[in-house]
Each structure stands twice: as C-alpha cells, then as structure tokens.
Amino acid sequence: MPFGLQPTHLIIILVVALLIFGPSRLPEIGKSIGKTMREFQAGLKEASQGFTEEIQKTPPQAEPPKLACKSCGKPIQAGMKFCPECGAAQ
C-alpha cells in the first residue's frame, strides 16, 4: 500500500473524514484529491523528461590530453608542472 498504510488505517481515515465532512461532500473531496495526485504525477513526469533531455543534450566532458614525462616517460596530464612518478620538472 502507498505510504505504508494498511487497510485498517484507510478505514479509520475514511470514518474520520465521514464524520468531519459529512457524506455529501466526500465524493467531491475524493475527486479533488485524485485530480491533485494526477496533476502532481504529470508534473513529476514532465520534470524528469525535461531533465533527461537536458542531460542528453549536454556533450560529455573530454579528458585533458595525456603527455609523457620528459624524464621518465610515464604518462602525465597536460598542465602538470612536475611528474607525479619521478618528480621531474616539466
């Protein structure tokens, strides 16, 4: 069941709502709650689709080109001033 409600909980909620609002307004309130939930779900679906579309439009970030250390020849990233392996200045 949604929200962890058991059938007995739903019956208690229905009885309390019946006492508070009366039998004539319950169908109207149920219709309003159903409409609100449908609109909320539609909004969530629209937002997730828009987010997915934007993610797909965004180009992947390219990794910086790798270079080789002048001293030891191990691969290093562009822009590094020192080799992480041997410590030689680049």
N, C-alpha and C. Protein backbone atom coordinates (compact mmCIF):
# COMPACT_ATOMS: atom_id res chain seq x y z
N MET A 1 0.85 -1.18 0.00
CA MET A 1 0.00 0.00 0.00
C MET A 1 0.89 1.24 0.00
N PRO A 2 0.39 2.33 -0.57
CA PRO A 2 1.19 3.55 -0.59
C PRO A 2 1.37 4.13 0.81
N PHE A 3 2.52 4.68 1.06
CA PHE A 3 2.86 5.36 2.32
C PHE A 3 2.83 4.42 3.52
N GLY A 4 2.87 3.12 3.29
CA GLY A 4 2.89 2.16 4.39
C GLY A 4 1.56 2.04 5.12
N LEU A 5 0.46 2.47 4.48
CA LEU A 5 -0.85 2.38 5.12
C LEU A 5 -1.43 0.98 4.95
N GLN A 6 -2.03 0.49 6.00
CA GLN A 6 -2.71 -0.79 5.95
C GLN A 6 -4.20 -0.55 5.76
N PRO A 7 -4.96 -1.56 5.35
CA PRO A 7 -6.40 -1.37 5.12
C PRO A 7 -7.13 -0.83 6.35
N THR A 8 -6.72 -1.24 7.54
CA THR A 8 -7.40 -0.72 8.74
C THR A 8 -7.15 0.77 8.91
N HIS A 9 -5.96 1.22 8.55
CA HIS A 9 -5.67 2.66 8.63
C HIS A 9 -6.56 3.44 7.67
N LEU A 10 -6.74 2.91 6.47
CA LEU A 10 -7.59 3.59 5.48
C LEU A 10 -9.03 3.65 5.94
N ILE A 11 -9.52 2.61 6.57
CA ILE A 11 -10.90 2.60 7.08
C ILE A 11 -11.07 3.65 8.17
N ILE A 12 -10.10 3.74 9.07
CA ILE A 12 -10.17 4.74 10.14
C ILE A 12 -10.15 6.15 9.55
N ILE A 13 -9.30 6.38 8.58
CA ILE A 13 -9.24 7.71 7.93
C ILE A 13 -10.56 8.02 7.25
N LEU A 14 -11.16 7.04 6.58
CA LEU A 14 -12.44 7.25 5.91
C LEU A 14 -13.54 7.58 6.91
N VAL A 15 -13.59 6.88 8.04
CA VAL A 15 -14.61 7.14 9.06
C VAL A 15 -14.45 8.54 9.63
N VAL A 16 -13.21 8.94 9.92
CA VAL A 16 -12.97 10.29 10.46
C VAL A 16 -13.37 11.35 9.43
N ALA A 17 -13.01 11.13 8.16
CA ALA A 17 -13.39 12.08 7.11
C ALA A 17 -14.90 12.16 6.97
N LEU A 18 -15.58 11.02 7.09
CA LEU A 18 -17.03 11.00 7.01
C LEU A 18 -17.65 11.81 8.15
N LEU A 19 -17.10 11.69 9.35
CA LEU A 19 -17.61 12.44 10.48
C LEU A 19 -17.35 13.94 10.34
N ILE A 20 -16.18 14.30 9.80
CA ILE A 20 -15.82 15.71 9.69
C ILE A 20 -16.56 16.40 8.55
N PHE A 21 -16.57 15.79 7.37
CA PHE A 21 -17.10 16.46 6.18
C PHE A 21 -18.53 16.08 5.85
N GLY A 22 -19.00 14.97 6.32
CA GLY A 22 -20.36 14.52 6.00
C GLY A 22 -20.37 13.73 4.71
N PRO A 23 -21.42 12.92 4.54
CA PRO A 23 -21.47 12.04 3.37
C PRO A 23 -21.66 12.77 2.05
N SER A 24 -22.22 13.97 2.07
CA SER A 24 -22.48 14.68 0.80
C SER A 24 -21.21 15.27 0.18
N ARG A 25 -20.23 15.60 0.99
CA ARG A 25 -19.01 16.23 0.46
C ARG A 25 -17.88 15.24 0.17
N LEU A 26 -17.98 13.98 0.64
CA LEU A 26 -16.90 13.01 0.44
C LEU A 26 -16.58 12.75 -1.03
N PRO A 27 -17.56 12.56 -1.92
CA PRO A 27 -17.21 12.34 -3.33
C PRO A 27 -16.47 13.54 -3.94
N GLU A 28 -16.89 14.72 -3.56
CA GLU A 28 -16.24 15.94 -4.06
C GLU A 28 -14.79 16.02 -3.58
N ILE A 29 -14.55 15.69 -2.33
CA ILE A 29 -13.20 15.72 -1.77
C ILE A 29 -12.34 14.64 -2.40
N GLY A 30 -12.89 13.44 -2.59
CA GLY A 30 -12.15 12.37 -3.24
C GLY A 30 -11.75 12.73 -4.66
N LYS A 31 -12.67 13.36 -5.38
CA LYS A 31 -12.37 13.80 -6.74
C LYS A 31 -11.26 14.83 -6.75
N SER A 32 -11.30 15.76 -5.81
CA SER A 32 -10.25 16.79 -5.72
C SER A 32 -8.89 16.19 -5.41
N ILE A 33 -8.86 15.23 -4.50
CA ILE A 33 -7.60 14.58 -4.13
C ILE A 33 -7.05 13.80 -5.32
N GLY A 34 -7.91 13.07 -6.03
CA GLY A 34 -7.49 12.31 -7.21
C GLY A 34 -6.93 13.22 -8.30
N LYS A 35 -7.60 14.34 -8.54
CA LYS A 35 -7.15 15.30 -9.55
C LYS A 35 -5.79 15.88 -9.16
N THR A 36 -5.64 16.22 -7.90
CA THR A 36 -4.38 16.78 -7.41
C THR A 36 -3.23 15.78 -7.58
N MET A 37 -3.49 14.52 -7.25
CA MET A 37 -2.45 13.49 -7.39
C MET A 37 -2.07 13.28 -8.85
N ARG A 38 -3.05 13.27 -9.75
CA ARG A 38 -2.76 13.11 -11.18
C ARG A 38 -1.92 14.27 -11.70
N GLU A 39 -2.27 15.49 -11.30
CA GLU A 39 -1.50 16.66 -11.74
C GLU A 39 -0.07 16.62 -11.18
N PHE A 40 0.07 16.20 -9.95
CA PHE A 40 1.39 16.10 -9.34
C PHE A 40 2.25 15.06 -10.07
N GLN A 41 1.67 13.90 -10.38
CA GLN A 41 2.40 12.86 -11.10
C GLN A 41 2.77 13.33 -12.50
N ALA A 42 1.86 14.04 -13.17
CA ALA A 42 2.15 14.56 -14.51
C ALA A 42 3.29 15.58 -14.44
N GLY A 43 3.29 16.42 -13.42
CA GLY A 43 4.37 17.40 -13.25
C GLY A 43 5.71 16.72 -13.00
N LEU A 44 5.71 15.68 -12.18
CA LEU A 44 6.95 14.93 -11.94
C LEU A 44 7.46 14.28 -13.22
N LYS A 45 6.55 13.70 -13.98
CA LYS A 45 6.94 13.04 -15.24
C LYS A 45 7.52 14.06 -16.21
N GLU A 46 6.87 15.22 -16.32
CA GLU A 46 7.34 16.27 -17.22
C GLU A 46 8.72 16.79 -16.79
N ALA A 47 8.91 16.97 -15.50
CA ALA A 47 10.19 17.45 -15.00
C ALA A 47 11.29 16.43 -15.25
N SER A 48 11.01 15.16 -15.03
CA SER A 48 12.05 14.14 -15.24
C SER A 48 12.37 13.99 -16.72
N GLN A 49 11.38 14.13 -17.59
CA GLN A 49 11.64 14.07 -19.03
C GLN A 49 12.49 15.26 -19.47
N GLY A 50 12.18 16.45 -18.96
CA GLY A 50 12.97 17.63 -19.29
C GLY A 50 14.40 17.50 -18.80
N PHE A 51 14.57 16.96 -17.62
CA PHE A 51 15.90 16.75 -17.07
C PHE A 51 16.68 15.76 -17.92
N THR A 52 16.01 14.66 -18.31
CA THR A 52 16.66 13.64 -19.14
C THR A 52 17.06 14.22 -20.49
N GLU A 53 16.20 15.03 -21.09
CA GLU A 53 16.52 15.66 -22.38
C GLU A 53 17.71 16.58 -22.25
N GLU A 54 17.78 17.35 -21.18
CA GLU A 54 18.91 18.26 -21.00
C GLU A 54 20.21 17.50 -20.79
N ILE A 55 20.14 16.40 -20.07
CA ILE A 55 21.33 15.57 -19.85
C ILE A 55 21.81 15.01 -21.19
N GLN A 56 20.88 14.58 -22.02
CA GLN A 56 21.26 14.00 -23.31
C GLN A 56 21.82 15.06 -24.25
N LYS A 57 21.39 16.31 -24.12
CA LYS A 57 21.90 17.40 -24.97
C LYS A 57 23.32 17.80 -24.60
N THR A 58 23.65 17.68 -23.33
CA THR A 58 24.96 18.12 -22.85
C THR A 58 26.05 17.19 -23.38
N PRO A 59 27.04 17.75 -24.08
CA PRO A 59 28.11 16.89 -24.59
C PRO A 59 28.98 16.40 -23.44
N PRO A 60 29.51 15.20 -23.56
CA PRO A 60 30.37 14.69 -22.49
C PRO A 60 31.66 15.50 -22.40
N GLN A 61 32.15 15.66 -21.20
CA GLN A 61 33.39 16.39 -20.98
C GLN A 61 34.57 15.54 -21.43
N ALA A 62 35.41 16.13 -22.26
CA ALA A 62 36.58 15.40 -22.74
C ALA A 62 37.68 15.45 -21.68
N GLU A 63 38.42 14.36 -21.57
CA GLU A 63 39.54 14.33 -20.64
C GLU A 63 40.68 15.15 -21.24
N PRO A 64 41.46 15.81 -20.40
CA PRO A 64 42.59 16.55 -20.92
C PRO A 64 43.59 15.57 -21.55
N PRO A 65 44.28 16.03 -22.60
CA PRO A 65 45.22 15.12 -23.26
C PRO A 65 46.35 14.72 -22.32
N LYS A 66 46.79 13.49 -22.44
CA LYS A 66 47.88 12.99 -21.60
C LYS A 66 49.19 13.14 -22.35
N LEU A 67 50.18 13.55 -21.62
CA LEU A 67 51.52 13.71 -22.18
C LEU A 67 52.47 12.76 -21.47
N ALA A 68 53.69 12.71 -21.94
CA ALA A 68 54.69 11.86 -21.30
C ALA A 68 55.70 12.74 -20.57
N CYS A 69 56.18 12.24 -19.43
CA CYS A 69 57.19 12.95 -18.65
C CYS A 69 58.48 13.04 -19.48
N LYS A 70 59.12 14.19 -19.42
CA LYS A 70 60.37 14.40 -20.16
C LYS A 70 61.51 13.55 -19.60
N SER A 71 61.41 13.21 -18.32
CA SER A 71 62.49 12.49 -17.68
C SER A 71 62.27 10.97 -17.70
N CYS A 72 61.12 10.50 -17.20
CA CYS A 72 60.92 9.05 -17.06
C CYS A 72 60.02 8.46 -18.15
N GLY A 73 59.29 9.30 -18.88
CA GLY A 73 58.44 8.81 -19.95
C GLY A 73 57.07 8.32 -19.51
N LYS A 74 56.74 8.39 -18.22
CA LYS A 74 55.43 7.97 -17.71
C LYS A 74 54.38 8.99 -18.14
N PRO A 75 53.14 8.55 -18.34
CA PRO A 75 52.09 9.49 -18.76
C PRO A 75 51.74 10.48 -17.65
N ILE A 76 51.57 11.75 -18.03
CA ILE A 76 51.13 12.80 -17.11
C ILE A 76 50.06 13.61 -17.81
N GLN A 77 49.26 14.34 -17.05
CA GLN A 77 48.21 15.17 -17.62
C GLN A 77 48.81 16.50 -18.06
N ALA A 78 48.17 17.09 -19.08
CA ALA A 78 48.63 18.38 -19.58
C ALA A 78 48.49 19.43 -18.49
N GLY A 79 49.46 20.32 -18.39
CA GLY A 79 49.42 21.40 -17.41
C GLY A 79 50.10 21.07 -16.10
N MET A 80 50.54 19.85 -15.91
CA MET A 80 51.25 19.50 -14.67
C MET A 80 52.66 20.06 -14.74
N LYS A 81 53.11 20.62 -13.63
CA LYS A 81 54.44 21.21 -13.59
C LYS A 81 55.50 20.20 -13.18
N PHE A 82 55.08 19.14 -12.48
CA PHE A 82 56.02 18.11 -12.03
C PHE A 82 55.41 16.74 -12.30
N CYS A 83 56.27 15.78 -12.59
CA CYS A 83 55.84 14.40 -12.81
C CYS A 83 55.47 13.77 -11.47
N PRO A 84 54.30 13.14 -11.34
CA PRO A 84 53.93 12.51 -10.08
C PRO A 84 54.77 11.25 -9.78
N GLU A 85 55.40 10.67 -10.80
CA GLU A 85 56.20 9.47 -10.60
C GLU A 85 57.63 9.79 -10.14
N CYS A 86 58.32 10.63 -10.94
CA CYS A 86 59.72 10.88 -10.63
C CYS A 86 59.98 12.26 -10.04
N GLY A 87 58.98 13.17 -10.12
CA GLY A 87 59.13 14.49 -9.55
C GLY A 87 59.89 15.47 -10.42
N ALA A 88 60.24 15.10 -11.65
CA ALA A 88 60.99 15.99 -12.54
C ALA A 88 60.13 17.14 -13.00
N ALA A 89 60.72 18.32 -13.13
CA ALA A 89 60.02 19.50 -13.63
C ALA A 89 59.71 19.31 -15.10
N GLN A 90 58.58 19.80 -15.50
CA GLN A 90 58.17 19.65 -16.89
C GLN A 90 58.36 20.95 -17.58
